[in-house]
Amino acid sequence: MGIDSKKTFKKIWVRMPNWLGDFVMALPHLRAIKARQPETQLTLIAKPQFKELIELFPVADEFVSLERGAIRNLFALSALGRRSKPECQVLFTNSVRGDLEAWFIGAEKRLGMVYPGRYRPLLTGGYRLGAFKDELDATHQTALLEDFLKSFDLIDSVDAAPFILEGTERVQNRVGIIAGSSNNPQKCWAAENWCRMLDGLSGQVPGCEFVLFGTDADREISEAVLKGSKAAIRDRTGDTNMMELAGELATCNLVVGNDTGGMHLANAVGAPVAVLFGPTNPLVTGPFFDAPRLHLQPEGCPPEGGSSIQLLAHGVVIERLAEILQTTQAGGHNVD
């Protein structure tokens, strides 16, 4: 299955995931590829909005933005592939479109993960995952990627250390809030719950500076939170690009939010995070980087998720967050 461990590539292209959270969780694996093969030219293919993150996190050499329109994109990638001639392409996507892109690019090695019941004939090498769903439900996404890359001798190990941004300092009692969830409304705690939580927390921990983050798609819930809460909140929804968002999250003493890409970005820059889970599985998609992190699920929710996030009681969230912030004020660790 593996490639000759002595084999090195002059050029490796990587098709990155389409969602922010998945993109961020793949960054340590890129760092591992560069650590194993430092002379390799590593090129990422991804949505254009992620280019800023690669400027912020030095894990690759070049960035290719995906074009709008499937046909236009295929021809653009084909032309780039003919000019650059990558020897190996790694696919972190699991789609026919991604496989077709790789085939048009034309690398000799096209490598990806193959889930049970899937068929990916355009790959030249596939890492087949376990046949049992229970195994996948208990295995973190980053561990699957690590095993995949190790199977082709592309990495030695994955370092979970966060990316520390120069020039940023954590501000005591600054609490970032990510109330939206652009890709899945079922992951989104209701606005009234956020309002009760913010009001309760500001009462228990005076002096909290709340900052609301989100994309343009999150403006509706952000506006509902701003109108419904009595707490003093600074609204940054839709006002930051990726680089600015990462920098501002890094200054937070705690970031609280739904299972979203923004929470993974906060975790990646070392900010302590408290993530609210319900239907999704923290065993698979929980924050990965070695920074303080807490998962909160509704009472009685299975460890792998599956409950409505609306069953997560705001009182429980207030209690846990107040504990964290009060411990910080006393000079202790702020997330267990």
C-alpha atoms as a PDB file:
ATOM      1  CA  MET A   1       0.000   0.000   0.000  1.00  0.00           C
ATOM      2  CA  GLY A   2       2.761   2.451   0.954  1.00  0.00           C
ATOM      3  CA  ILE A   3       5.163   4.342  -1.227  1.00  0.00           C
ATOM      4  CA  ASP A   4       8.841   3.462  -0.923  1.00  0.00           C
ATOM      5  CA  SER A   5       9.920   5.211   2.318  1.00  0.00           C
ATOM      6  CA  LYS A   6      13.100   6.386   0.592  1.00  0.00           C
ATOM      7  CA  LYS A   7      11.073   8.098  -2.103  1.00  0.00           C
ATOM      8  CA  THR A   8      10.909  11.887  -1.917  1.00  0.00           C
ATOM      9  CA  PHE A   9       8.853  14.169  -4.121  1.00  0.00           C
ATOM     10  CA  LYS A  10       9.939  17.467  -5.567  1.00  0.00           C
ATOM     11  CA  LYS A  11       6.341  18.628  -5.780  1.00  0.00           C
ATOM     12  CA  ILE A  12       3.294  17.553  -3.757  1.00  0.00           C
ATOM     13  CA  TRP A  13      -0.106  19.114  -4.295  1.00  0.00           C
ATOM     14  CA  VAL A  14      -2.804  18.840  -1.637  1.00  0.00           C
ATOM     15  CA  ARG A  15      -6.510  19.288  -2.275  1.00  0.00           C
ATOM     16  CA  MET A  16      -7.716  20.860   0.966  1.00  0.00           C
ATOM     17  CA  PRO A  17     -11.174  20.463   2.562  1.00  0.00           C
ATOM     18  CA  ASN A  18     -13.900  22.947   1.740  1.00  0.00           C
ATOM     19  CA  TRP A  19     -15.033  23.798   5.285  1.00  0.00           C
ATOM     20  CA  LEU A  20     -13.005  25.969   7.665  1.00  0.00           C
ATOM     21  CA  GLY A  21     -12.989  23.472  10.543  1.00  0.00           C
ATOM     22  CA  ASP A  22     -11.762  20.615   8.349  1.00  0.00           C
ATOM     23  CA  PHE A  23      -9.203  22.923   6.730  1.00  0.00           C
ATOM     24  CA  VAL A  24      -7.787  23.927  10.112  1.00  0.00           C
ATOM     25  CA  MET A  25      -7.626  20.316  11.341  1.00  0.00           C
ATOM     26  CA  ALA A  26      -5.511  19.428   8.282  1.00  0.00           C
ATOM     27  CA  LEU A  27      -2.852  22.066   9.028  1.00  0.00           C
ATOM     28  CA  PRO A  28      -0.767  19.890  11.387  1.00  0.00           C
ATOM     29  CA  HIS A  29      -0.603  17.211   8.697  1.00  0.00           C
ATOM     30  CA  LEU A  30       0.816  19.717   6.227  1.00  0.00           C
ATOM     31  CA  ARG A  31       3.363  20.703   8.841  1.00  0.00           C
ATOM     32  CA  ALA A  32       4.243  17.009   9.187  1.00  0.00           C
ATOM     33  CA  ILE A  33       4.724  16.594   5.417  1.00  0.00           C
ATOM     34  CA  LYS A  34       7.133  19.539   5.388  1.00  0.00           C
ATOM     35  CA  ALA A  35       8.977  18.156   8.411  1.00  0.00           C
ATOM     36  CA  ARG A  36       9.453  14.803   6.661  1.00  0.00           C
ATOM     37  CA  GLN A  37      10.344  16.296   3.278  1.00  0.00           C
ATOM     38  CA  PRO A  38      11.558  19.886   3.873  1.00  0.00           C
ATOM     39  CA  GLU A  39      12.811  20.304   0.302  1.00  0.00           C
ATOM     40  CA  THR A  40       9.455  19.361  -1.200  1.00  0.00           C
ATOM     41  CA  GLN A  41       7.481  22.165  -2.813  1.00  0.00           C
ATOM     42  CA  LEU A  42       4.067  21.879  -1.148  1.00  0.00           C
ATOM     43  CA  THR A  43       1.149  23.449  -3.010  1.00  0.00           C
ATOM     44  CA  LEU A  44      -2.375  23.691  -1.634  1.00  0.00           C
ATOM     45  CA  ILE A  45      -5.554  23.739  -3.708  1.00  0.00           C
ATOM     46  CA  ALA A  46      -8.454  25.322  -1.829  1.00  0.00           C
ATOM     47  CA  LYS A  47     -11.184  27.925  -1.805  1.00  0.00           C
ATOM     48  CA  PRO A  48      -9.733  31.434  -2.238  1.00  0.00           C
ATOM     49  CA  GLN A  49     -10.797  32.656   1.225  1.00  0.00           C
ATOM     50  CA  PHE A  50      -8.318  30.262   2.830  1.00  0.00           C
ATOM     51  CA  LYS A  51      -5.283  31.847   1.196  1.00  0.00           C
ATOM     52  CA  GLU A  52      -4.954  34.280   4.107  1.00  0.00           C
ATOM     53  CA  LEU A  53      -4.586  31.381   6.535  1.00  0.00           C
ATOM     54  CA  ILE A  54      -1.628  29.982   4.612  1.00  0.00           C
ATOM     55  CA  GLU A  55       0.003  33.402   4.817  1.00  0.00           C
ATOM     56  CA  LEU A  56      -0.597  33.277   8.573  1.00  0.00           C
ATOM     57  CA  PHE A  57       0.374  29.642   9.142  1.00  0.00           C
ATOM     58  CA  PRO A  58       3.589  28.805   7.217  1.00  0.00           C
ATOM     59  CA  VAL A  59       2.789  25.199   6.314  1.00  0.00           C
ATOM     60  CA  ALA A  60       2.992  25.349   2.510  1.00  0.00           C
ATOM     61  CA  ASP A  61       4.916  27.028  -0.303  1.00  0.00           C
ATOM     62  CA  GLU A  62       2.211  27.881  -2.818  1.00  0.00           C
ATOM     63  CA  PHE A  63      -1.561  28.293  -2.929  1.00  0.00           C
ATOM     64  CA  VAL A  64      -3.877  27.618  -5.873  1.00  0.00           C
ATOM     65  CA  SER A  65      -7.345  29.126  -5.590  1.00  0.00           C
ATOM     66  CA  LEU A  66     -10.240  27.090  -6.939  1.00  0.00           C
ATOM     67  CA  GLU A  67     -12.044  28.812  -9.770  1.00  0.00           C
ATOM     68  CA  ARG A  68     -15.790  29.387  -9.758  1.00  0.00           C
ATOM     69  CA  GLY A  69     -17.662  26.939 -11.937  1.00  0.00           C
ATOM     70  CA  ALA A  70     -16.830  23.239 -12.152  1.00  0.00           C
ATOM     71  CA  ILE A  71     -15.864  23.130 -15.844  1.00  0.00           C
ATOM     72  CA  ARG A  72     -13.803  26.313 -15.721  1.00  0.00           C
ATOM     73  CA  ASN A  73     -12.058  25.003 -12.625  1.00  0.00           C
ATOM     74  CA  LEU A  74     -11.152  21.680 -14.255  1.00  0.00           C
ATOM     75  CA  PHE A  75      -9.562  23.345 -17.261  1.00  0.00           C
ATOM     76  CA  ALA A  76      -7.656  25.823 -15.071  1.00  0.00           C
ATOM     77  CA  LEU A  77      -6.272  23.024 -12.886  1.00  0.00           C
ATOM     78  CA  SER A  78      -5.396  20.944 -15.941  1.00  0.00           C
ATOM     79  CA  ALA A  79      -3.357  23.828 -17.373  1.00  0.00           C
ATOM     80  CA  LEU A  80      -1.601  24.399 -14.035  1.00  0.00           C
ATOM     81  CA  GLY A  81      -0.856  20.701 -13.710  1.00  0.00           C
ATOM     82  CA  ARG A  82       0.728  20.524 -17.182  1.00  0.00           C
ATOM     83  CA  ARG A  83       2.966  23.487 -16.345  1.00  0.00           C
ATOM     84  CA  SER A  84       3.932  22.482 -12.799  1.00  0.00           C
ATOM     85  CA  LYS A  85       3.993  18.666 -13.197  1.00  0.00           C
ATOM     86  CA  PRO A  86       3.412  17.626  -9.558  1.00  0.00           C
ATOM     87  CA  GLU A  87       4.520  14.063  -8.887  1.00  0.00           C
ATOM     88  CA  CYS A  88       2.071  13.400  -6.059  1.00  0.00           C
ATOM     89  CA  GLN A  89      -1.354  14.735  -5.134  1.00  0.00           C
ATOM     90  CA  VAL A  90      -2.943  14.149  -1.733  1.00  0.00           C
ATOM     91  CA  LEU A  91      -6.704  14.519  -1.459  1.00  0.00           C
ATOM     92  CA  PHE A  92      -8.235  15.512   1.878  1.00  0.00           C
ATOM     93  CA  THR A  93     -11.590  15.677   0.117  1.00  0.00           C
ATOM     94  CA  ASN A  94     -13.866  12.704  -0.442  1.00  0.00           C
ATOM     95  CA  SER A  95     -15.829  13.624  -3.545  1.00  0.00           C
ATOM     96  CA  VAL A  96     -16.109  12.794  -7.215  1.00  0.00           C
ATOM     97  CA  ARG A  97     -15.367  16.425  -8.045  1.00  0.00           C
ATOM     98  CA  GLY A  98     -12.095  16.362  -6.112  1.00  0.00           C
ATOM     99  CA  ASP A  99     -11.050  13.086  -7.738  1.00  0.00           C
ATOM    100  CA  LEU A 100     -11.844  14.459 -11.179  1.00  0.00           C
ATOM    101  CA  GLU A 101      -9.786  17.573 -10.445  1.00  0.00           C
ATOM    102  CA  ALA A 102      -6.835  15.349  -9.481  1.00  0.00           C
ATOM    103  CA  TRP A 103      -7.169  13.319 -12.663  1.00  0.00           C
ATOM    104  CA  PHE A 104      -7.120  16.527 -14.743  1.00  0.00           C
ATOM    105  CA  ILE A 105      -4.044  17.788 -12.851  1.00  0.00           C
ATOM    106  CA  GLY A 106      -2.325  14.548 -13.807  1.00  0.00           C
ATOM    107  CA  ALA A 107       0.027  13.709 -10.926  1.00  0.00           C
ATOM    108  CA  GLU A 108       1.435  10.187 -11.162  1.00  0.00           C
ATOM    109  CA  LYS A 109       0.386   9.452  -7.574  1.00  0.00           C
ATOM    110  CA  ARG A 110      -3.162  10.446  -6.549  1.00  0.00           C
ATOM    111  CA  LEU A 111      -3.835   9.431  -2.952  1.00  0.00           C
ATOM    112  CA  GLY A 112      -6.943   9.551  -0.789  1.00  0.00           C
ATOM    113  CA  MET A 113      -8.972   7.837   1.921  1.00  0.00           C
ATOM    114  CA  VAL A 114     -11.660   5.355   0.895  1.00  0.00           C
ATOM    115  CA  TYR A 115     -14.622   5.060   3.245  1.00  0.00           C
ATOM    116  CA  PRO A 116     -16.629   1.816   3.505  1.00  0.00           C
ATOM    117  CA  GLY A 117     -18.951   1.410   0.546  1.00  0.00           C
ATOM    118  CA  ARG A 118     -17.180   4.051  -1.535  1.00  0.00           C
ATOM    119  CA  TYR A 119     -15.376   3.520  -4.845  1.00  0.00           C
ATOM    120  CA  ARG A 120     -12.727   5.983  -6.049  1.00  0.00           C
ATOM    121  CA  PRO A 121     -11.391   4.648  -9.365  1.00  0.00           C
ATOM    122  CA  LEU A 122      -9.542   7.858 -10.298  1.00  0.00           C
ATOM    123  CA  LEU A 123      -7.121   7.468  -7.396  1.00  0.00           C
ATOM    124  CA  THR A 124      -3.906   5.527  -7.889  1.00  0.00           C
ATOM    125  CA  GLY A 125      -3.695   4.736  -4.179  1.00  0.00           C
ATOM    126  CA  GLY A 126      -6.449   4.514  -1.602  1.00  0.00           C
ATOM    127  CA  TYR A 127      -6.224   4.107   2.171  1.00  0.00           C
ATOM    128  CA  ARG A 128      -9.224   1.948   3.054  1.00  0.00           C
ATOM    129  CA  LEU A 129     -10.870   2.814   6.352  1.00  0.00           C
ATOM    130  CA  GLY A 130     -12.402   0.284   8.723  1.00  0.00           C
ATOM    131  CA  ALA A 131     -15.542  -1.480   7.645  1.00  0.00           C
ATOM    132  CA  PHE A 132     -17.408  -0.809  10.907  1.00  0.00           C
ATOM    133  CA  LYS A 133     -19.182   2.477  11.548  1.00  0.00           C
ATOM    134  CA  ASP A 134     -18.588   2.202  15.314  1.00  0.00           C
ATOM    135  CA  GLU A 135     -14.833   2.441  14.740  1.00  0.00           C
ATOM    136  CA  LEU A 136     -15.196   5.596  12.656  1.00  0.00           C
ATOM    137  CA  ASP A 137     -17.579   7.126  15.217  1.00  0.00           C
ATOM    138  CA  ALA A 138     -14.883   6.865  17.891  1.00  0.00           C
ATOM    139  CA  THR A 139     -11.838   7.915  15.840  1.00  0.00           C
ATOM    140  CA  HIS A 140     -10.890  11.557  15.536  1.00  0.00           C
ATOM    141  CA  GLN A 141     -10.687  12.950  12.019  1.00  0.00           C
ATOM    142  CA  THR A 142      -7.067  13.997  12.520  1.00  0.00           C
ATOM    143  CA  ALA A 143      -6.106  10.428  13.500  1.00  0.00           C
ATOM    144  CA  LEU A 144      -7.610   9.112  10.259  1.00  0.00           C
ATOM    145  CA  LEU A 145      -5.615  11.648   8.254  1.00  0.00           C
ATOM    146  CA  GLU A 146      -2.448  10.758  10.147  1.00  0.00           C
ATOM    147  CA  ASP A 147      -2.873   7.023   9.508  1.00  0.00           C
ATOM    148  CA  PHE A 148      -3.635   7.736   5.853  1.00  0.00           C
ATOM    149  CA  LEU A 149      -0.462   9.784   5.342  1.00  0.00           C
ATOM    150  CA  LYS A 150       1.678   7.322   7.298  1.00  0.00           C
ATOM    151  CA  SER A 151       0.413   4.466   5.135  1.00  0.00           C
ATOM    152  CA  PHE A 152       2.046   6.164   2.136  1.00  0.00           C
ATOM    153  CA  ASP A 153       5.188   7.142   4.084  1.00  0.00           C
ATOM    154  CA  LEU A 154       4.509  10.844   3.648  1.00  0.00           C
ATOM    155  CA  ILE A 155       4.883  11.766   7.349  1.00  0.00           C
ATOM    156  CA  ASP A 156       6.493  10.509  10.541  1.00  0.00           C
ATOM    157  CA  SER A 157       4.164  11.960  13.182  1.00  0.00           C
ATOM    158  CA  VAL A 158       1.734  14.816  13.707  1.00  0.00           C
ATOM    159  CA  ASP A 159       2.521  17.613  16.145  1.00  0.00           C
ATOM    160  CA  ALA A 160      -0.562  18.950  17.952  1.00  0.00           C
ATOM    161  CA  ALA A 161       1.129  22.154  19.140  1.00  0.00           C
ATOM    162  CA  PRO A 162      -0.964  25.232  18.311  1.00  0.00           C
ATOM    163  CA  PHE A 163       0.307  28.003  16.058  1.00  0.00           C
ATOM    164  CA  ILE A 164       1.380  30.913  18.246  1.00  0.00           C
ATOM    165  CA  LEU A 165       0.822  34.242  16.503  1.00  0.00           C
ATOM    166  CA  GLU A 166       3.480  36.887  17.032  1.00  0.00           C
ATOM    167  CA  GLY A 167       2.284  40.208  18.378  1.00  0.00           C
ATOM    168  CA  THR A 168      -0.870  38.890  20.073  1.00  0.00           C
ATOM    169  CA  GLU A 169      -1.466  38.829  23.817  1.00  0.00           C
ATOM    170  CA  ARG A 170      -4.326  37.213  25.689  1.00  0.00           C
ATOM    171  CA  VAL A 171      -6.611  39.689  27.445  1.00  0.00           C
ATOM    172  CA  GLN A 172      -7.936  38.597  30.827  1.00  0.00           C
ATOM    173  CA  ASN A 173     -11.748  38.266  30.904  1.00  0.00           C
ATOM    174  CA  ARG A 174     -12.072  38.795  27.141  1.00  0.00           C
ATOM    175  CA  VAL A 175     -14.603  36.153  26.060  1.00  0.00           C
ATOM    176  CA  GLY A 176     -15.153  35.448  22.376  1.00  0.00           C
ATOM    177  CA  ILE A 177     -18.610  34.250  21.351  1.00  0.00           C
ATOM    178  CA  ILE A 178     -19.382  32.347  18.139  1.00  0.00           C
ATOM    179  CA  ALA A 179     -23.161  31.995  18.163  1.00  0.00           C
ATOM    180  CA  GLY A 180     -23.726  31.000  14.540  1.00  0.00           C
ATOM    181  CA  SER A 181     -23.101  27.887  12.490  1.00  0.00           C
ATOM    182  CA  SER A 182     -23.175  28.642   8.791  1.00  0.00           C
ATOM    183  CA  ASN A 183     -22.987  25.090   7.447  1.00  0.00           C
ATOM    184  CA  ASN A 184     -25.494  23.372   9.766  1.00  0.00           C
ATOM    185  CA  PRO A 185     -28.283  25.198  11.680  1.00  0.00           C
ATOM    186  CA  GLN A 186     -28.876  22.084  13.806  1.00  0.00           C
ATOM    187  CA  LYS A 187     -25.502  22.748  15.494  1.00  0.00           C
ATOM    188  CA  CYS A 188     -26.642  26.235  16.494  1.00  0.00           C
ATOM    189  CA  TRP A 189     -27.739  26.915  20.097  1.00  0.00           C
ATOM    190  CA  ALA A 190     -30.830  29.152  20.095  1.00  0.00           C
ATOM    191  CA  ALA A 191     -30.369  32.918  20.435  1.00  0.00           C
ATOM    192  CA  GLU A 192     -32.390  33.001  23.664  1.00  0.00           C
ATOM    193  CA  ASN A 193     -29.997  30.481  25.214  1.00  0.00           C
ATOM    194  CA  TRP A 194     -27.028  32.642  24.284  1.00  0.00           C
ATOM    195  CA  CYS A 195     -28.750  35.685  25.794  1.00  0.00           C
ATOM    196  CA  ARG A 196     -29.485  33.914  29.076  1.00  0.00           C
ATOM    197  CA  MET A 197     -25.943  32.584  29.209  1.00  0.00           C
ATOM    198  CA  LEU A 198     -24.350  35.985  28.547  1.00  0.00           C
ATOM    199  CA  ASP A 199     -26.550  37.748  31.101  1.00  0.00           C
ATOM    200  CA  GLY A 200     -25.914  35.076  33.724  1.00  0.00           C
ATOM    201  CA  LEU A 201     -22.175  34.951  33.116  1.00  0.00           C
ATOM    202  CA  SER A 202     -21.776  38.748  33.219  1.00  0.00           C
ATOM    203  CA  GLY A 203     -23.561  38.702  36.573  1.00  0.00           C
ATOM    204  CA  GLN A 204     -21.377  35.977  38.047  1.00  0.00           C
ATOM    205  CA  VAL A 205     -18.067  37.221  36.606  1.00  0.00           C
ATOM    206  CA  PRO A 206     -18.138  41.039  36.560  1.00  0.00           C
ATOM    207  CA  GLY A 207     -15.825  42.741  34.112  1.00  0.00           C
ATOM    208  CA  CYS A 208     -16.214  40.251  31.247  1.00  0.00           C
ATOM    209  CA  GLU A 209     -15.569  41.742  27.828  1.00  0.00           C
ATOM    210  CA  PHE A 210     -17.735  39.849  25.342  1.00  0.00           C
ATOM    211  CA  VAL A 211     -16.835  39.919  21.635  1.00  0.00           C
ATOM    212  CA  LEU A 212     -19.221  38.403  19.099  1.00  0.00           C
ATOM    213  CA  PHE A 213     -17.635  36.824  16.018  1.00  0.00           C
ATOM    214  CA  GLY A 214     -19.139  35.328  12.867  1.00  0.00           C
ATOM    215  CA  THR A 215     -19.489  35.548   9.109  1.00  0.00           C
ATOM    216  CA  ASP A 216     -22.012  37.543   7.114  1.00  0.00           C
ATOM    217  CA  ALA A 217     -24.214  34.435   7.176  1.00  0.00           C
ATOM    218  CA  ASP A 218     -24.346  34.687  10.987  1.00  0.00           C
ATOM    219  CA  ARG A 219     -25.698  38.238  11.115  1.00  0.00           C
ATOM    220  CA  GLU A 220     -29.272  37.160  11.913  1.00  0.00           C
ATOM    221  CA  ILE A 221     -28.392  35.270  15.090  1.00  0.00           C
ATOM    222  CA  SER A 222     -25.797  37.862  16.073  1.00  0.00           C
ATOM    223  CA  GLU A 223     -28.408  40.610  15.839  1.00  0.00           C
ATOM    224  CA  ALA A 224     -30.841  38.520  17.914  1.00  0.00           C
ATOM    225  CA  VAL A 225     -28.178  38.030  20.606  1.00  0.00           C
ATOM    226  CA  LEU A 226     -27.288  41.735  20.627  1.00  0.00           C
ATOM    227  CA  LYS A 227     -30.945  42.733  20.986  1.00  0.00           C
ATOM    228  CA  GLY A 228     -31.849  40.074  23.531  1.00  0.00           C
ATOM    229  CA  SER A 229     -28.912  40.303  25.927  1.00  0.00           C
ATOM    230  CA  LYS A 230     -28.306  42.975  28.554  1.00  0.00           C
ATOM    231  CA  ALA A 231     -24.570  42.224  28.603  1.00  0.00           C
ATOM    232  CA  ALA A 232     -22.106  44.646  27.017  1.00  0.00           C
ATOM    233  CA  ILE A 233     -21.115  43.007  23.716  1.00  0.00           C
ATOM    234  CA  ARG A 234     -18.745  44.219  21.008  1.00  0.00           C
ATOM    235  CA  ASP A 235     -19.986  42.953  17.626  1.00  0.00           C
ATOM    236  CA  ARG A 236     -17.401  41.831  15.046  1.00  0.00           C
ATOM    237  CA  THR A 237     -19.775  39.704  12.958  1.00  0.00           C
ATOM    238  CA  GLY A 238     -18.813  39.884   9.286  1.00  0.00           C
ATOM    239  CA  ASP A 239     -16.154  42.522   9.989  1.00  0.00           C
ATOM    240  CA  THR A 240     -13.036  40.339   9.923  1.00  0.00           C
ATOM    241  CA  ASN A 241     -11.196  38.477   7.222  1.00  0.00           C
ATOM    242  CA  MET A 242      -9.615  35.122   8.076  1.00  0.00           C
ATOM    243  CA  MET A 243      -6.310  36.626   9.194  1.00  0.00           C
ATOM    244  CA  GLU A 244      -7.973  39.268  11.370  1.00  0.00           C
ATOM    245  CA  LEU A 245     -10.318  36.692  12.882  1.00  0.00           C
ATOM    246  CA  ALA A 246      -7.432  34.426  13.853  1.00  0.00           C
ATOM    247  CA  GLY A 247      -5.584  37.345  15.429  1.00  0.00           C
ATOM    248  CA  GLU A 248      -8.584  38.518  17.448  1.00  0.00           C
ATOM    249  CA  LEU A 249      -9.441  35.009  18.631  1.00  0.00           C
ATOM    250  CA  ALA A 250      -5.854  34.642  19.865  1.00  0.00           C
ATOM    251  CA  THR A 251      -6.407  37.593  22.247  1.00  0.00           C
ATOM    252  CA  CYS A 252      -9.394  35.934  23.941  1.00  0.00           C
ATOM    253  CA  ASN A 253      -9.011  34.358  27.360  1.00  0.00           C
ATOM    254  CA  LEU A 254     -11.859  32.027  26.437  1.00  0.00           C
ATOM    255  CA  VAL A 255     -13.842  31.391  23.234  1.00  0.00           C
ATOM    256  CA  VAL A 256     -17.307  29.849  23.502  1.00  0.00           C
ATOM    257  CA  GLY A 257     -19.265  28.598  20.519  1.00  0.00           C
ATOM    258  CA  ASN A 258     -21.045  25.887  18.624  1.00  0.00           C
ATOM    259  CA  ASP A 259     -19.174  23.147  16.747  1.00  0.00           C
ATOM    260  CA  THR A 260     -17.964  25.491  13.995  1.00  0.00           C
ATOM    261  CA  GLY A 261     -14.889  26.308  11.963  1.00  0.00           C
ATOM    262  CA  GLY A 262     -14.287  29.431  14.013  1.00  0.00           C
ATOM    263  CA  MET A 263     -13.881  27.323  17.148  1.00  0.00           C
ATOM    264  CA  HIS A 264     -11.264  25.180  15.410  1.00  0.00           C
ATOM    265  CA  LEU A 265      -9.449  28.338  14.344  1.00  0.00           C
ATOM    266  CA  ALA A 266      -9.484  29.614  17.944  1.00  0.00           C
ATOM    267  CA  ASN A 267      -8.084  26.272  19.122  1.00  0.00           C
ATOM    268  CA  ALA A 268      -5.404  26.369  16.401  1.00  0.00           C
ATOM    269  CA  VAL A 269      -4.039  29.709  17.670  1.00  0.00           C
ATOM    270  CA  GLY A 270      -3.969  28.432  21.250  1.00  0.00           C
ATOM    271  CA  ALA A 271      -7.030  30.197  22.655  1.00  0.00           C
ATOM    272  CA  PRO A 272      -8.863  28.206  25.356  1.00  0.00           C
ATOM    273  CA  VAL A 273     -12.193  27.012  23.934  1.00  0.00           C
ATOM    274  CA  ALA A 274     -15.497  25.712  25.290  1.00  0.00           C
ATOM    275  CA  VAL A 275     -17.480  24.034  22.514  1.00  0.00           C
ATOM    276  CA  LEU A 276     -21.209  23.327  22.691  1.00  0.00           C
ATOM    277  CA  PHE A 277     -22.123  20.005  21.100  1.00  0.00           C
ATOM    278  CA  GLY A 278     -25.455  18.349  20.409  1.00  0.00           C
ATOM    279  CA  PRO A 279     -26.032  16.415  17.178  1.00  0.00           C
ATOM    280  CA  THR A 280     -22.369  16.291  16.132  1.00  0.00           C
ATOM    281  CA  ASN A 281     -19.634  14.019  17.454  1.00  0.00           C
ATOM    282  CA  PRO A 282     -16.843  15.551  19.566  1.00  0.00           C
ATOM    283  CA  LEU A 283     -14.939  12.256  19.410  1.00  0.00           C
ATOM    284  CA  VAL A 284     -14.536  12.829  15.659  1.00  0.00           C
ATOM    285  CA  THR A 285     -14.624  16.613  15.189  1.00  0.00           C
ATOM    286  CA  GLY A 286     -13.686  18.062  18.571  1.00  0.00           C
ATOM    287  CA  PRO A 287     -10.850  20.607  18.766  1.00  0.00           C
ATOM    288  CA  PHE A 288      -7.519  18.894  18.126  1.00  0.00           C
ATOM    289  CA  PHE A 289      -4.702  21.267  19.051  1.00  0.00           C
ATOM    290  CA  ASP A 290      -2.956  20.942  22.392  1.00  0.00           C
ATOM    291  CA  ALA A 291      -4.521  24.000  24.017  1.00  0.00           C
ATOM    292  CA  PRO A 292      -7.144  24.167  26.815  1.00  0.00           C
ATOM    293  CA  ARG A 293     -10.472  22.837  25.537  1.00  0.00           C
ATOM    294  CA  LEU A 294     -13.801  21.794  26.979  1.00  0.00           C
ATOM    295  CA  HIS A 295     -16.727  19.949  25.371  1.00  0.00           C
ATOM    296  CA  LEU A 296     -20.230  20.578  26.712  1.00  0.00           C
ATOM    297  CA  GLN A 297     -23.095  18.245  25.756  1.00  0.00           C
ATOM    298  CA  PRO A 298     -26.717  17.972  26.911  1.00  0.00           C
ATOM    299  CA  GLU A 299     -27.361  15.766  29.915  1.00  0.00           C
ATOM    300  CA  GLY A 300     -27.764  12.145  28.805  1.00  0.00           C
ATOM    301  CA  CYS A 301     -26.246  12.776  25.355  1.00  0.00           C
ATOM    302  CA  PRO A 302     -24.097   9.851  24.130  1.00  0.00           C
ATOM    303  CA  PRO A 303     -20.365  10.644  23.916  1.00  0.00           C
ATOM    304  CA  GLU A 304     -20.619  10.433  20.118  1.00  0.00           C
ATOM    305  CA  GLY A 305     -23.417  13.016  20.033  1.00  0.00           C
ATOM    306  CA  GLY A 306     -26.886  12.682  18.579  1.00  0.00           C
ATOM    307  CA  SER A 307     -28.952  14.920  20.870  1.00  0.00           C
ATOM    308  CA  SER A 308     -30.530  18.265  20.102  1.00  0.00           C
ATOM    309  CA  ILE A 309     -28.241  21.094  21.130  1.00  0.00           C
ATOM    310  CA  GLN A 310     -31.315  22.905  22.465  1.00  0.00           C
ATOM    311  CA  LEU A 311     -31.338  20.368  25.343  1.00  0.00           C
ATOM    312  CA  LEU A 312     -28.080  21.853  26.617  1.00  0.00           C
ATOM    313  CA  ALA A 313     -29.171  23.860  29.665  1.00  0.00           C
ATOM    314  CA  HIS A 314     -27.925  27.428  29.788  1.00  0.00           C
ATOM    315  CA  GLY A 315     -27.538  27.151  33.566  1.00  0.00           C
ATOM    316  CA  VAL A 316     -25.019  24.328  33.198  1.00  0.00           C
ATOM    317  CA  VAL A 317     -23.055  26.320  30.626  1.00  0.00           C
ATOM    318  CA  ILE A 318     -23.011  29.404  32.882  1.00  0.00           C
ATOM    319  CA  GLU A 319     -21.766  27.337  35.819  1.00  0.00           C
ATOM    320  CA  ARG A 320     -18.901  25.749  33.886  1.00  0.00           C
ATOM    321  CA  LEU A 321     -17.808  28.971  32.191  1.00  0.00           C
ATOM    322  CA  ALA A 322     -17.948  30.969  35.424  1.00  0.00           C
ATOM    323  CA  GLU A 323     -15.751  28.301  37.014  1.00  0.00           C
ATOM    324  CA  ILE A 324     -13.219  28.657  34.224  1.00  0.00           C
ATOM    325  CA  LEU A 325     -13.079  32.451  34.331  1.00  0.00           C
ATOM    326  CA  GLN A 326     -12.952  32.637  38.119  1.00  0.00           C
ATOM    327  CA  THR A 327     -10.109  30.103  38.160  1.00  0.00           C
ATOM    328  CA  THR A 328      -8.259  32.245  35.637  1.00  0.00           C
ATOM    329  CA  GLN A 329      -8.655  35.320  37.819  1.00  0.00           C
ATOM    330  CA  ALA A 330      -7.139  33.356  40.685  1.00  0.00           C
ATOM    331  CA  GLY A 331      -4.110  32.504  38.529  1.00  0.00           C
ATOM    332  CA  GLY A 332      -4.981  28.874  37.765  1.00  0.00           C
ATOM    333  CA  HIS A 333      -5.571  26.937  34.566  1.00  0.00           C
ATOM    334  CA  ASN A 334      -8.742  28.091  32.887  1.00  0.00           C
ATOM    335  CA  VAL A 335      -9.976  24.927  31.152  1.00  0.00           C
ATOM    336  CA  ASP A 336      -9.668  21.352  32.327  1.00  0.00           C
END
